[in-house]
Amino acid sequence: MNIPNLKKYNSNNFFLLAGPCVVEDEKTVMEIAERVVTITNKLEIPYIFKASFKKANRSRLDSFTGIGDIEALELIAKVAKTFNVPTLTDIHTEADAELAAKYVDILQIPAFLCRQTDLLVAAAKTGKYVNIKKGQFMSPEAMKHSVDKIIASGNHNVMLTDRGTTFGYQDLVVDFRGIPIMQKNNVPVVMDVTHSLQQPNQLSGVTGGKPELIETIAKAAIAVGVDGLFIETHPRPQEAKSDGANMLHLDKLEDLMTKLVKIRKAIL
């Protein structure tokens, strides 16, 4: 992948997109980045720091949406400079694409917006790598059209991420057949482990989750041959301002990555 500062990409390992759901404050962002960089360097896992600079898709109006666009983007840029790693953030509008591209290496299209042509084209025209999350309502075969929109806009730097498929009103399932199907587009395919374990549309307006199954989903994805993993992690998930119910506790990350590296080596 043509991503600046992506280290150890020739290690034959999967790559990792990991970080907090959203930029909360400098202390938390830097704490997470430092721990994940240490772990991935030790295990020779190519690492991309991820964090949303704002959350535009919360269930309730009073939910936390961010600390301010520029302040959050500057903190993500500080992670890149401090730890010399590539970075990723979500965008929700065409204006977001132009703004965020000044600060990060990868623009991520949220699952609900994976068919939004104007947004995809705007992201593509920045020249940045574009990570498109598969809509919970989309078949893996149909994601070809989202990839085609990026490529037809003159940008071949694209990847796809599976984050589960709607199962009833309040649950998601992972169909691992989707990984090899989406790889037929000749782009890297990522498994979003933590969002696949969400329980959306709860009466409280706060999304639930099943973090106890993170290891199960991650192991299966590596065994199937996924190119990368997406994991949201936090040192204090119970205090996280977004998606704490399905995050991986930061203290559990190294043990999980160690197990996954062994599985990766076994299938090569």
Protein backbone atom coordinates (compact mmCIF):
# COMPACT_ATOMS: atom_id res chain seq x y z
CA MET A 1 0.00 0.00 0.00
CA ASN A 2 1.23 3.46 -0.88
CA ILE A 3 0.80 4.99 2.58
CA PRO A 4 3.50 7.31 4.00
CA ASN A 5 5.35 6.04 7.07
CA LEU A 6 3.67 2.62 7.08
CA LYS A 7 6.42 0.56 8.66
CA LYS A 8 7.18 -3.14 8.35
CA TYR A 9 4.73 -3.60 5.50
CA ASN A 10 7.03 -6.27 4.07
CA SER A 11 6.77 -8.37 7.26
CA ASN A 12 4.09 -10.65 5.69
CA ASN A 13 1.92 -9.68 8.64
CA PHE A 14 -1.58 -8.24 8.67
CA PHE A 15 -1.74 -4.48 9.23
CA LEU A 16 -3.59 -2.85 12.11
CA LEU A 17 -5.86 0.19 12.22
CA ALA A 18 -6.32 1.00 15.90
CA GLY A 19 -7.05 3.84 18.25
CA PRO A 20 -9.92 5.48 20.12
CA CYS A 21 -13.33 5.92 18.54
CA VAL A 22 -13.07 9.70 18.72
CA VAL A 23 -10.48 12.25 19.81
CA GLU A 24 -11.39 12.94 23.44
CA ASP A 25 -8.33 14.79 24.76
CA GLU A 26 -4.58 14.91 24.16
CA LYS A 27 -3.64 12.72 27.13
CA THR A 28 -5.85 9.81 26.06
CA VAL A 29 -4.89 10.03 22.38
CA MET A 30 -1.16 10.04 23.11
CA GLU A 31 -1.44 7.28 25.71
CA ILE A 32 -3.21 4.98 23.27
CA ALA A 33 -0.89 5.78 20.37
CA GLU A 34 2.26 5.18 22.44
CA ARG A 35 1.05 1.80 23.71
CA VAL A 36 -0.07 0.56 20.30
CA VAL A 37 3.13 1.72 18.61
CA THR A 38 5.20 -0.16 21.20
CA ILE A 39 3.17 -3.35 20.72
CA THR A 40 3.13 -3.26 16.92
CA ASN A 41 6.84 -2.48 16.68
CA LYS A 42 7.58 -5.46 18.92
CA LEU A 43 5.41 -7.81 16.84
CA GLU A 44 6.31 -6.28 13.44
CA ILE A 45 2.74 -5.34 12.64
CA PRO A 46 2.31 -2.41 10.24
CA TYR A 47 0.32 0.18 12.19
CA ILE A 48 -2.05 3.02 11.27
CA PHE A 49 -3.44 5.23 14.04
CA LYS A 50 -7.19 5.88 13.76
CA ALA A 51 -9.49 8.32 15.50
CA SER A 52 -12.55 10.23 14.39
CA PHE A 53 -12.06 14.00 14.57
CA LYS A 54 -15.80 14.34 15.08
CA LYS A 55 -18.81 12.04 15.34
CA ALA A 56 -21.68 12.94 13.03
CA ASN A 57 -23.72 9.76 13.40
CA ARG A 58 -24.62 9.56 17.10
CA SER A 59 -28.02 8.21 18.10
CA ARG A 60 -28.90 11.03 20.50
CA LEU A 61 -28.58 14.78 20.15
CA ASP A 62 -26.87 15.05 23.53
CA SER A 63 -24.15 12.50 22.70
CA PHE A 64 -20.50 13.62 22.57
CA THR A 65 -19.49 14.63 19.03
CA GLY A 66 -16.00 16.01 19.46
CA ILE A 67 -13.69 18.62 20.96
CA GLY A 68 -13.67 20.83 17.85
CA ASP A 69 -12.69 19.93 14.30
CA ILE A 70 -9.34 21.71 14.01
CA GLU A 71 -8.23 20.91 17.56
CA ALA A 72 -8.97 17.22 17.00
CA LEU A 73 -7.27 17.10 13.61
CA GLU A 74 -4.21 18.82 15.04
CA LEU A 75 -3.99 16.17 17.76
CA ILE A 76 -4.16 13.40 15.14
CA ALA A 77 -1.39 15.18 13.23
CA LYS A 78 0.63 15.34 16.45
CA VAL A 79 0.37 11.56 16.77
CA ALA A 80 1.72 11.20 13.24
CA LYS A 81 4.65 13.53 13.94
CA THR A 82 5.46 12.15 17.40
CA PHE A 83 5.37 8.46 16.52
CA ASN A 84 6.05 8.62 12.76
CA VAL A 85 2.96 6.58 11.87
CA PRO A 86 0.23 7.10 9.25
CA THR A 87 -3.17 8.26 10.44
CA LEU A 88 -6.83 7.81 9.51
CA THR A 89 -10.03 9.68 10.29
CA ASP A 90 -13.69 9.52 9.22
CA ILE A 91 -15.31 12.09 6.97
CA HIS A 92 -19.03 12.73 6.50
CA THR A 93 -19.27 15.55 3.94
CA GLU A 94 -17.40 16.76 0.86
CA ALA A 95 -16.07 19.69 2.91
CA ASP A 96 -14.72 17.23 5.49
CA ALA A 97 -12.68 15.52 2.79
CA GLU A 98 -10.80 18.68 1.85
CA LEU A 99 -10.27 19.68 5.48
CA ALA A 100 -9.19 16.31 6.88
CA ALA A 101 -6.87 15.59 3.94
CA LYS A 102 -4.61 18.39 5.20
CA TYR A 103 -3.97 16.46 8.42
CA VAL A 104 -4.23 12.69 7.79
CA ASP A 105 -3.04 10.00 5.38
CA ILE A 106 -6.27 8.02 5.00
CA LEU A 107 -9.87 9.22 4.70
CA GLN A 108 -12.48 6.77 5.92
CA ILE A 109 -16.01 6.60 4.54
CA PRO A 110 -18.49 5.51 7.25
CA ALA A 111 -20.59 2.44 6.47
CA PHE A 112 -23.86 4.37 6.27
CA LEU A 113 -22.32 6.61 3.58
CA CYS A 114 -20.61 4.02 1.38
CA ARG A 115 -22.99 4.71 -1.54
CA GLN A 116 -22.76 8.52 -1.37
CA THR A 117 -21.23 9.33 -4.74
CA ASP A 118 -20.37 12.97 -4.05
CA LEU A 119 -18.58 12.04 -0.83
CA LEU A 120 -16.63 9.21 -2.48
CA VAL A 121 -15.57 11.43 -5.37
CA ALA A 122 -14.52 14.24 -3.03
CA ALA A 123 -12.41 11.80 -1.00
CA ALA A 124 -10.86 10.35 -4.15
CA LYS A 125 -9.92 13.76 -5.52
CA THR A 126 -7.78 14.54 -2.45
CA GLY A 127 -5.37 11.84 -3.65
CA LYS A 128 -5.37 10.29 -0.18
CA TYR A 129 -5.92 6.61 0.49
CA VAL A 130 -9.66 5.99 0.94
CA ASN A 131 -10.99 3.31 3.28
CA ILE A 132 -14.64 2.51 2.51
CA LYS A 133 -16.60 0.68 5.17
CA LYS A 134 -19.13 -1.80 3.81
CA GLY A 135 -22.64 -0.73 4.70
CA GLN A 136 -24.41 -3.03 7.13
CA PHE A 137 -27.12 -3.19 4.47
CA MET A 138 -24.77 -4.01 1.56
CA SER A 139 -23.64 -7.29 0.08
CA PRO A 140 -19.86 -7.71 -0.29
CA GLU A 141 -20.35 -8.08 -4.06
CA ALA A 142 -22.03 -4.67 -4.28
CA MET A 143 -19.01 -2.89 -2.80
CA LYS A 144 -17.39 -3.17 -6.23
CA HIS A 145 -19.36 -0.10 -7.26
CA SER A 146 -17.97 1.99 -4.41
CA VAL A 147 -14.44 0.96 -5.37
CA ASP A 148 -15.17 1.82 -9.00
CA LYS A 149 -16.27 5.34 -8.03
CA ILE A 150 -12.90 6.00 -6.38
CA ILE A 151 -10.88 4.55 -9.25
CA ALA A 152 -12.95 6.31 -11.92
CA SER A 153 -12.21 9.56 -10.10
CA GLY A 154 -8.50 9.02 -10.73
CA ASN A 155 -7.47 7.50 -7.39
CA HIS A 156 -6.35 3.86 -7.13
CA ASN A 157 -5.54 4.09 -3.43
CA VAL A 158 -8.55 2.36 -1.92
CA MET A 159 -9.35 -0.33 0.63
CA LEU A 160 -12.56 -1.93 1.89
CA THR A 161 -13.59 -2.71 5.47
CA ASP A 162 -16.27 -5.13 6.63
CA ARG A 163 -18.05 -4.19 9.86
CA GLY A 164 -20.81 -6.75 10.02
CA THR A 165 -24.23 -7.07 8.44
CA THR A 166 -27.58 -6.07 9.89
CA PHE A 167 -29.32 -8.98 11.59
CA GLY A 168 -32.75 -7.91 12.73
CA TYR A 169 -33.08 -4.48 14.29
CA GLN A 170 -30.55 -4.64 17.11
CA ASP A 171 -27.72 -6.96 16.13
CA LEU A 172 -25.03 -7.62 13.53
CA VAL A 173 -23.47 -10.80 12.16
CA VAL A 174 -20.18 -11.32 10.33
CA ASP A 175 -20.24 -13.33 7.11
CA PHE A 176 -16.59 -14.25 6.58
CA ARG A 177 -17.28 -15.14 2.94
CA GLY A 178 -17.28 -11.40 2.37
CA ILE A 179 -13.53 -11.12 2.89
CA PRO A 180 -12.42 -13.16 -0.16
CA ILE A 181 -15.33 -11.76 -2.19
CA MET A 182 -14.23 -8.17 -1.61
CA GLN A 183 -10.57 -9.09 -2.19
CA LYS A 184 -11.57 -9.88 -5.77
CA ASN A 185 -11.59 -6.11 -6.32
CA ASN A 186 -7.78 -6.25 -5.96
CA VAL A 187 -7.81 -3.93 -2.96
CA PRO A 188 -6.79 -4.57 0.66
CA VAL A 189 -9.68 -5.80 2.81
CA VAL A 190 -9.97 -5.05 6.51
CA MET A 191 -12.12 -6.59 9.24
CA ASP A 192 -13.55 -4.04 11.66
CA VAL A 193 -13.60 -6.30 14.67
CA THR A 194 -15.07 -4.02 17.30
CA HIS A 195 -17.88 -2.36 15.32
CA SER A 196 -18.96 -5.81 14.10
CA LEU A 197 -19.85 -6.55 17.70
CA GLN A 198 -22.11 -3.55 18.18
CA GLN A 199 -25.74 -3.88 19.23
CA PRO A 200 -27.28 -0.81 17.59
CA ASN A 201 -30.66 0.87 17.99
CA GLN A 202 -30.97 0.33 21.72
CA LEU A 203 -33.94 1.97 23.46
CA SER A 204 -31.55 4.06 25.56
CA GLY A 205 -30.04 5.63 22.45
CA VAL A 206 -26.62 4.27 23.43
CA THR A 207 -25.21 1.47 21.27
CA GLY A 208 -24.44 -1.77 23.08
CA GLY A 209 -21.80 -4.37 22.28
CA LYS A 210 -20.21 -7.75 22.93
CA PRO A 211 -16.50 -7.09 23.50
CA GLU A 212 -16.03 -10.59 24.91
CA LEU A 213 -16.20 -11.83 21.30
CA ILE A 214 -13.44 -9.55 19.94
CA GLU A 215 -10.86 -12.35 20.02
CA THR A 216 -13.24 -14.75 18.24
CA ILE A 217 -13.94 -12.38 15.36
CA ALA A 218 -10.29 -11.33 15.04
CA LYS A 219 -8.98 -14.91 14.99
CA ALA A 220 -11.51 -15.96 12.37
CA ALA A 221 -10.70 -12.99 10.14
CA ILE A 222 -6.97 -13.72 10.23
CA ALA A 223 -7.61 -17.40 9.51
CA VAL A 224 -9.71 -16.47 6.46
CA GLY A 225 -6.85 -14.32 5.14
CA VAL A 226 -7.92 -10.75 5.80
CA ASP A 227 -5.30 -8.11 4.95
CA GLY A 228 -5.85 -5.89 7.97
CA LEU A 229 -7.73 -5.48 11.22
CA PHE A 230 -9.58 -2.46 12.59
CA ILE A 231 -9.86 -2.35 16.39
CA GLU A 232 -10.98 0.48 18.62
CA THR A 233 -9.15 0.40 21.94
CA HIS A 234 -9.10 2.53 25.06
CA PRO A 235 -7.35 2.38 28.45
CA ARG A 236 -10.70 2.99 30.18
CA PRO A 237 -13.52 1.76 27.91
CA GLN A 238 -16.13 2.39 30.58
CA GLU A 239 -15.21 6.09 30.42
CA ALA A 240 -14.92 6.34 26.62
CA LYS A 241 -17.12 9.05 25.14
CA SER A 242 -18.16 6.92 22.15
CA ASP A 243 -18.50 3.17 21.51
CA GLY A 244 -17.11 2.15 24.89
CA ALA A 245 -19.47 -0.84 24.99
CA ASN A 246 -17.66 -2.67 22.18
CA MET A 247 -14.06 -1.46 22.59
CA LEU A 248 -11.05 -3.62 23.44
CA HIS A 249 -9.37 -2.68 26.71
CA LEU A 250 -5.90 -1.39 25.86
CA ASP A 251 -4.35 -3.78 28.38
CA LYS A 252 -5.62 -6.74 26.35
CA LEU A 253 -4.23 -5.64 22.98
CA GLU A 254 -0.73 -7.14 23.18
CA ASP A 255 -1.95 -10.61 24.14
CA LEU A 256 -4.49 -10.58 21.32
CA MET A 257 -1.98 -9.37 18.72
CA THR A 258 0.51 -12.03 19.82
CA LYS A 259 -2.07 -14.77 19.23
CA LEU A 260 -3.08 -13.32 15.87
CA VAL A 261 0.51 -13.11 14.62
CA LYS A 262 0.88 -16.83 15.35
CA ILE A 263 -2.27 -17.61 13.36
CA ARG A 264 -1.04 -15.47 10.48
CA LYS A 265 2.27 -17.33 10.37
CA ALA A 266 0.46 -20.67 10.46
CA ILE A 267 -1.66 -19.93 7.37
CA LEU A 268 1.10 -18.51 5.16
